[in-house]
C-alpha atoms as a PDB file:
ATOM      1  CA  MET A   1      16.266  12.774  20.080  1.00  0.00           C
ATOM      2  CA  ALA A   2      12.969  12.032  19.220  1.00  0.00           C
ATOM      3  CA  LEU A   3      15.385  10.532  18.680  1.00  0.00           C
ATOM      4  CA  LEU A   4      14.584   8.795  17.949  1.00  0.00           C
ATOM      5  CA  LEU A   5      12.988   7.031  19.430  1.00  0.00           C
ATOM      6  CA  SER A   6      10.747   2.682  17.333  1.00  0.00           C
ATOM      7  CA  LEU A   7      14.805   2.656  18.562  1.00  0.00           C
ATOM      8  CA  LEU A   8      13.865   2.076  19.842  1.00  0.00           C
ATOM      9  CA  THR A   9      12.110   2.963  22.521  1.00  0.00           C
ATOM     10  CA  THR A  10      11.160  -0.042  21.329  1.00  0.00           C
ATOM     11  CA  LEU A  11       9.162  -0.137  18.343  1.00  0.00           C
ATOM     12  CA  VAL A  12       7.030  -2.736  19.928  1.00  0.00           C
ATOM     13  CA  LEU A  13       6.999  -1.643  23.482  1.00  0.00           C
ATOM     14  CA  CYS A  14       3.525  -2.920  24.167  1.00  0.00           C
ATOM     15  CA  SER A  15       3.531  -5.785  21.718  1.00  0.00           C
ATOM     16  CA  TYR A  16       3.638  -9.400  22.750  1.00  0.00           C
ATOM     17  CA  GLY A  17       1.915 -11.254  19.929  1.00  0.00           C
ATOM     18  CA  PRO A  18       3.129 -12.300  16.481  1.00  0.00           C
ATOM     19  CA  VAL A  19       4.815  -9.591  14.461  1.00  0.00           C
ATOM     20  CA  GLY A  20       3.899 -10.700  10.973  1.00  0.00           C
ATOM     21  CA  SER A  21       0.929  -8.389  10.537  1.00  0.00           C
ATOM     22  CA  LEU A  22       3.154  -5.703   9.026  1.00  0.00           C
ATOM     23  CA  GLY A  23       3.049  -7.717   5.849  1.00  0.00           C
ATOM     24  CA  CYS A  24       6.690  -8.651   6.306  1.00  0.00           C
ATOM     25  CA  ASP A  25       8.767 -10.738   8.655  1.00  0.00           C
ATOM     26  CA  LEU A  26      10.305  -8.743  11.485  1.00  0.00           C
ATOM     27  CA  PRO A  27      12.729 -10.726  13.650  1.00  0.00           C
ATOM     28  CA  ARG A  28      10.979 -12.886  16.214  1.00  0.00           C
ATOM     29  CA  ASP A  29      12.910 -11.164  18.970  1.00  0.00           C
ATOM     30  CA  SER A  30      11.965  -7.641  17.826  1.00  0.00           C
ATOM     31  CA  VAL A  31       9.731  -7.106  20.844  1.00  0.00           C
ATOM     32  CA  LEU A  32      12.500  -8.015  23.259  1.00  0.00           C
ATOM     33  CA  LEU A  33      15.007  -5.876  21.366  1.00  0.00           C
ATOM     34  CA  SER A  34      12.684  -2.887  21.500  1.00  0.00           C
ATOM     35  CA  LYS A  35      12.129  -3.277  25.205  1.00  0.00           C
ATOM     36  CA  GLU A  36      15.855  -3.669  25.717  1.00  0.00           C
ATOM     37  CA  THR A  37      16.447  -0.384  23.910  1.00  0.00           C
ATOM     38  CA  LEU A  38      14.230   1.525  26.307  1.00  0.00           C
ATOM     39  CA  VAL A  39      15.793  -0.183  29.297  1.00  0.00           C
ATOM     40  CA  LEU A  40      19.291   0.699  28.096  1.00  0.00           C
ATOM     41  CA  LEU A  41      18.346   4.315  27.434  1.00  0.00           C
ATOM     42  CA  GLY A  42      16.958   4.467  30.957  1.00  0.00           C
ATOM     43  CA  GLN A  43      20.106   2.978  32.456  1.00  0.00           C
ATOM     44  CA  MET A  44      22.301   5.469  30.599  1.00  0.00           C
ATOM     45  CA  ARG A  45      21.122   8.400  32.683  1.00  0.00           C
ATOM     46  CA  ARG A  46      24.100  10.184  34.231  1.00  0.00           C
ATOM     47  CA  VAL A  47      22.576  13.452  35.397  1.00  0.00           C
ATOM     48  CA  SER A  48      19.408  14.112  37.343  1.00  0.00           C
ATOM     49  CA  PRO A  49      16.851  15.758  35.008  1.00  0.00           C
ATOM     50  CA  SER A  50      16.102  18.252  37.779  1.00  0.00           C
ATOM     51  CA  LEU A  51      19.598  19.684  37.326  1.00  0.00           C
ATOM     52  CA  CYS A  52      19.014  20.298  33.625  1.00  0.00           C
ATOM     53  CA  LEU A  53      15.741  22.214  33.621  1.00  0.00           C
ATOM     54  CA  LYS A  54      17.338  25.294  32.072  1.00  0.00           C
ATOM     55  CA  ASP A  55      18.581  23.183  29.184  1.00  0.00           C
ATOM     56  CA  ARG A  56      15.226  21.732  28.204  1.00  0.00           C
ATOM     57  CA  ARG A  57      14.221  22.112  24.563  1.00  0.00           C
ATOM     58  CA  ASP A  58      11.115  21.294  22.560  1.00  0.00           C
ATOM     59  CA  PHE A  59      12.473  19.488  19.509  1.00  0.00           C
ATOM     60  CA  ARG A  60       8.973  19.212  18.043  1.00  0.00           C
ATOM     61  CA  PHE A  61       8.933  15.530  17.241  1.00  0.00           C
ATOM     62  CA  PRO A  62       6.671  15.112  14.172  1.00  0.00           C
ATOM     63  CA  GLN A  63       3.796  13.259  15.818  1.00  0.00           C
ATOM     64  CA  GLU A  64       1.783  13.232  12.592  1.00  0.00           C
ATOM     65  CA  MET A  65       4.150  10.588  11.260  1.00  0.00           C
ATOM     66  CA  VAL A  66       3.119   8.101  13.922  1.00  0.00           C
ATOM     67  CA  THR A  67      -0.476   9.127  14.628  1.00  0.00           C
ATOM     68  CA  GLY A  68      -1.826   9.685  11.110  1.00  0.00           C
ATOM     69  CA  SER A  69      -4.813   7.490  10.281  1.00  0.00           C
ATOM     70  CA  GLN A  70      -4.039   7.257   6.547  1.00  0.00           C
ATOM     71  CA  LEU A  71      -0.509   5.850   6.739  1.00  0.00           C
ATOM     72  CA  GLN A  72       0.339   3.060   4.323  1.00  0.00           C
ATOM     73  CA  LYS A  73       2.509   0.114   5.340  1.00  0.00           C
ATOM     74  CA  ALA A  74       5.534   1.298   3.380  1.00  0.00           C
ATOM     75  CA  GLN A  75       5.248   4.739   4.950  1.00  0.00           C
ATOM     76  CA  ALA A  76       4.953   3.335   8.474  1.00  0.00           C
ATOM     77  CA  VAL A  77       7.930   1.005   8.063  1.00  0.00           C
ATOM     78  CA  SER A  78       9.935   3.881   6.577  1.00  0.00           C
ATOM     79  CA  VAL A  79       9.248   5.998   9.678  1.00  0.00           C
ATOM     80  CA  LEU A  80      10.424   3.180  11.942  1.00  0.00           C
ATOM     81  CA  GLN A  81      13.496   2.568   9.814  1.00  0.00           C
ATOM     82  CA  GLY A  82      14.400   6.252   9.593  1.00  0.00           C
ATOM     83  CA  THR A  83      14.096   6.703  13.345  1.00  0.00           C
ATOM     84  CA  LEU A  84      16.444   3.780  13.938  1.00  0.00           C
ATOM     85  CA  GLN A  85      18.967   4.976  11.360  1.00  0.00           C
ATOM     86  CA  GLN A  86      19.096   8.499  12.727  1.00  0.00           C
ATOM     87  CA  THR A  87      19.298   7.353  16.342  1.00  0.00           C
ATOM     88  CA  LEU A  88      22.097   4.925  15.546  1.00  0.00           C
ATOM     89  CA  SER A  89      23.968   7.686  13.733  1.00  0.00           C
ATOM     90  CA  LEU A  90      23.508  10.068  16.653  1.00  0.00           C
ATOM     91  CA  PHE A  91      24.962   7.703  19.224  1.00  0.00           C
ATOM     92  CA  HIS A  92      27.687   6.275  16.994  1.00  0.00           C
ATOM     93  CA  THR A  93      30.025   9.269  17.308  1.00  0.00           C
ATOM     94  CA  GLU A  94      33.150  10.229  19.231  1.00  0.00           C
ATOM     95  CA  ARG A  95      31.175  12.819  21.184  1.00  0.00           C
ATOM     96  CA  SER A  96      28.663  10.205  22.224  1.00  0.00           C
ATOM     97  CA  SER A  97      31.393   7.759  23.221  1.00  0.00           C
ATOM     98  CA  ALA A  98      32.861  10.392  25.518  1.00  0.00           C
ATOM     99  CA  ALA A  99      29.488  11.133  27.118  1.00  0.00           C
ATOM    100  CA  TRP A 100      28.139   7.688  28.000  1.00  0.00           C
ATOM    101  CA  ASN A 101      29.136   4.534  29.835  1.00  0.00           C
ATOM    102  CA  ALA A 102      31.048   2.522  27.229  1.00  0.00           C
ATOM    103  CA  THR A 103      29.426  -0.812  28.051  1.00  0.00           C
ATOM    104  CA  LEU A 104      25.870   0.528  27.951  1.00  0.00           C
ATOM    105  CA  LEU A 105      26.552   2.490  24.773  1.00  0.00           C
ATOM    106  CA  ASP A 106      27.957  -0.569  23.007  1.00  0.00           C
ATOM    107  CA  GLN A 107      24.908  -2.582  24.029  1.00  0.00           C
ATOM    108  CA  LEU A 108      22.581   0.156  22.782  1.00  0.00           C
ATOM    109  CA  LEU A 109      24.341   0.393  19.427  1.00  0.00           C
ATOM    110  CA  THR A 110      24.191  -3.370  19.006  1.00  0.00           C
ATOM    111  CA  VAL A 111      20.468  -3.519  19.744  1.00  0.00           C
ATOM    112  CA  LEU A 112      19.716  -0.580  17.459  1.00  0.00           C
ATOM    113  CA  HIS A 113      21.697  -2.173  14.648  1.00  0.00           C
ATOM    114  CA  GLN A 114      19.837  -5.473  15.034  1.00  0.00           C
ATOM    115  CA  GLN A 115      16.497  -3.687  14.862  1.00  0.00           C
ATOM    116  CA  LEU A 116      17.583  -1.628  11.855  1.00  0.00           C
ATOM    117  CA  GLU A 117      18.560  -4.747   9.932  1.00  0.00           C
ATOM    118  CA  GLY A 118      15.121  -6.205  10.643  1.00  0.00           C
ATOM    119  CA  THR A 119      13.305  -3.122   9.358  1.00  0.00           C
ATOM    120  CA  LYS A 120      15.492  -3.014   6.232  1.00  0.00           C
ATOM    121  CA  SER A 121      14.452  -6.522   5.283  1.00  0.00           C
ATOM    122  CA  CYS A 122      10.853  -5.677   6.104  1.00  0.00           C
ATOM    123  CA  MET A 123      10.963  -2.499   3.997  1.00  0.00           C
ATOM    124  CA  GLU A 124      12.333  -4.375   1.006  1.00  0.00           C
ATOM    125  CA  GLU A 125       9.530  -6.904   1.262  1.00  0.00           C
ATOM    126  CA  VAL A 126       6.794  -4.294   1.673  1.00  0.00           C
ATOM    127  CA  THR A 127       7.985  -2.072  -1.174  1.00  0.00           C
ATOM    128  CA  GLY A 128       8.367  -5.119  -3.344  1.00  0.00           C
ATOM    129  CA  LYS A 129       4.690  -5.939  -2.855  1.00  0.00           C
ATOM    130  CA  GLU A 130       3.155  -2.496  -3.127  1.00  0.00           C
ATOM    131  CA  ALA A 131       2.663  -0.118  -6.049  1.00  0.00           C
ATOM    132  CA  SER A 132       5.335   2.448  -6.825  1.00  0.00           C
ATOM    133  CA  ALA A 133       3.127   5.243  -5.454  1.00  0.00           C
ATOM    134  CA  ARG A 134       3.647   3.732  -2.017  1.00  0.00           C
ATOM    135  CA  THR A 135       7.383   3.312  -2.239  1.00  0.00           C
ATOM    136  CA  ALA A 136      10.343   5.593  -2.827  1.00  0.00           C
ATOM    137  CA  LYS A 137       8.440   7.809  -5.266  1.00  0.00           C
ATOM    138  CA  ASP A 138       5.642   8.431  -2.803  1.00  0.00           C
ATOM    139  CA  PRO A 139       5.694  12.178  -1.970  1.00  0.00           C
ATOM    140  CA  THR A 140       4.400  11.430   1.526  1.00  0.00           C
ATOM    141  CA  LEU A 141       7.232   8.980   2.072  1.00  0.00           C
ATOM    142  CA  ARG A 142       9.783  11.540   0.904  1.00  0.00           C
ATOM    143  CA  TYR A 143       8.182  14.150   3.145  1.00  0.00           C
ATOM    144  CA  PHE A 144       8.467  11.848   6.153  1.00  0.00           C
ATOM    145  CA  ARG A 145      12.124  11.159   5.447  1.00  0.00           C
ATOM    146  CA  ALA A 146      12.890  14.857   5.070  1.00  0.00           C
ATOM    147  CA  THR A 147      10.969  15.662   8.243  1.00  0.00           C
ATOM    148  CA  LEU A 148      12.893  13.057  10.229  1.00  0.00           C
ATOM    149  CA  TRP A 149      16.162  14.412   8.865  1.00  0.00           C
ATOM    150  CA  ARG A 150      15.257  17.968   9.928  1.00  0.00           C
ATOM    151  CA  TYR A 151      14.176  16.769  13.358  1.00  0.00           C
ATOM    152  CA  PHE A 152      17.439  14.976  14.028  1.00  0.00           C
ATOM    153  CA  ARG A 153      19.414  17.856  12.558  1.00  0.00           C
ATOM    154  CA  GLY A 154      17.773  20.050  15.180  1.00  0.00           C
ATOM    155  CA  VAL A 155      18.905  17.643  17.880  1.00  0.00           C
ATOM    156  CA  ARG A 156      22.483  17.678  16.587  1.00  0.00           C
ATOM    157  CA  LEU A 157      22.528  21.479  16.362  1.00  0.00           C
ATOM    158  CA  TYR A 158      21.266  21.646  19.940  1.00  0.00           C
ATOM    159  CA  LEU A 159      24.142  19.455  21.129  1.00  0.00           C
ATOM    160  CA  GLN A 160      26.613  21.668  19.281  1.00  0.00           C
ATOM    161  CA  GLU A 161      25.051  24.802  20.731  1.00  0.00           C
ATOM    162  CA  LYS A 162      25.333  23.361  24.239  1.00  0.00           C
ATOM    163  CA  LYS A 163      28.884  22.169  23.541  1.00  0.00           C
ATOM    164  CA  TYR A 164      27.878  18.565  24.201  1.00  0.00           C
ATOM    165  CA  SER A 165      27.447  19.190  27.903  1.00  0.00           C
ATOM    166  CA  ASP A 166      26.240  16.469  30.269  1.00  0.00           C
ATOM    167  CA  CYS A 167      22.877  18.198  30.583  1.00  0.00           C
ATOM    168  CA  ALA A 168      22.527  18.517  26.816  1.00  0.00           C
ATOM    169  CA  TRP A 169      23.060  14.781  26.395  1.00  0.00           C
ATOM    170  CA  GLU A 170      20.587  14.101  29.189  1.00  0.00           C
ATOM    171  CA  VAL A 171      17.940  16.240  27.462  1.00  0.00           C
ATOM    172  CA  VAL A 172      18.599  14.354  24.219  1.00  0.00           C
ATOM    173  CA  ARG A 173      18.420  10.980  25.954  1.00  0.00           C
ATOM    174  CA  MET A 174      14.991  11.792  27.361  1.00  0.00           C
ATOM    175  CA  GLU A 175      13.829  13.112  23.992  1.00  0.00           C
ATOM    176  CA  ILE A 176      14.873   9.912  22.277  1.00  0.00           C
ATOM    177  CA  MET A 177      12.976   7.838  24.792  1.00  0.00           C
ATOM    178  CA  ARG A 178       9.842   9.872  24.092  1.00  0.00           C
ATOM    179  CA  ALA A 179      10.320   9.477  20.355  1.00  0.00           C
ATOM    180  CA  PHE A 180      10.671   5.740  20.697  1.00  0.00           C
ATOM    181  CA  SER A 181       7.551   5.566  22.777  1.00  0.00           C
ATOM    182  CA  SER A 182       5.680   7.176  19.890  1.00  0.00           C
ATOM    183  CA  SER A 183       7.243   4.710  17.462  1.00  0.00           C
ATOM    184  CA  ALA A 184       6.135   1.855  19.698  1.00  0.00           C
ATOM    185  CA  LYS A 185       2.544   3.050  19.461  1.00  0.00           C
ATOM    186  CA  LEU A 186       2.813   3.090  15.673  1.00  0.00           C
ATOM    187  CA  GLN A 187       4.093  -0.479  15.726  1.00  0.00           C
ATOM    188  CA  GLU A 188       1.218  -1.500  17.973  1.00  0.00           C
ATOM    189  CA  ARG A 189      -1.298   0.035  15.545  1.00  0.00           C
ATOM    190  CA  LEU A 190       0.274  -1.865  12.681  1.00  0.00           C
ATOM    191  CA  ARG A 191      -0.059  -5.115  14.524  1.00  0.00           C
ATOM    192  CA  SER A 192      -3.483  -4.592  16.031  1.00  0.00           C
ATOM    193  CA  LYS A 193      -5.011  -3.625  12.678  1.00  0.00           C
ATOM    194  CA  ASP A 194      -3.148  -6.223  10.627  1.00  0.00           C
ATOM    195  CA  GLY A 195      -1.187  -3.551   8.817  1.00  0.00           C
ATOM    196  CA  ASN A 196      -4.200  -1.351   8.108  1.00  0.00           C
ATOM    197  CA  LEU A 197      -3.618   2.030   9.766  1.00  0.00           C
ATOM    198  CA  GLN A 198      -6.817   3.667   8.649  1.00  0.00           C
ATOM    199  CA  SER A 199      -9.275   4.733  11.290  1.00  0.00           C
ATOM    200  CA  SER A 200     -11.838   2.139  12.191  1.00  0.00           C
END
């Protein structure tokens, strides 16, 4: 689920240096938590992707939210936070519990929750420092949130349509890993440019 993925897929998949360049204090272990998320999603595979080719779906993950060169810090953190929230919500359901290994699912939910708490604190700090145009009233920020909501709604509707089959969950699992990979690249840009996402 494009799912959703900073969750993620480790928002900092390729990051190994200090994480303070966002302009806020992410947990020191955020890199390890992000990597752990991707590892867990990989370990959760129950069905060979080759058996689910007919179930593949293009969920159209909104790449512009993680590749845009004019993103502000509050907008970027909001994308990461929204991805984590939606992914956590997707996997924290009865249907999900019935589909996945209980131990791996519990570990995934724990790691996602830890990362979400870190981004919440970060978001509060960033929005507290920046002008109102860059916070909740920012039309771009609201657009991103609405876009993420529609994206994850599409994932949920797909699962319903496929009656939560094993292949449907496998397609969603792979989609979420891809989404998190994109979120990881956004996190890397934030860190490598000291929070400035504009093109160099």
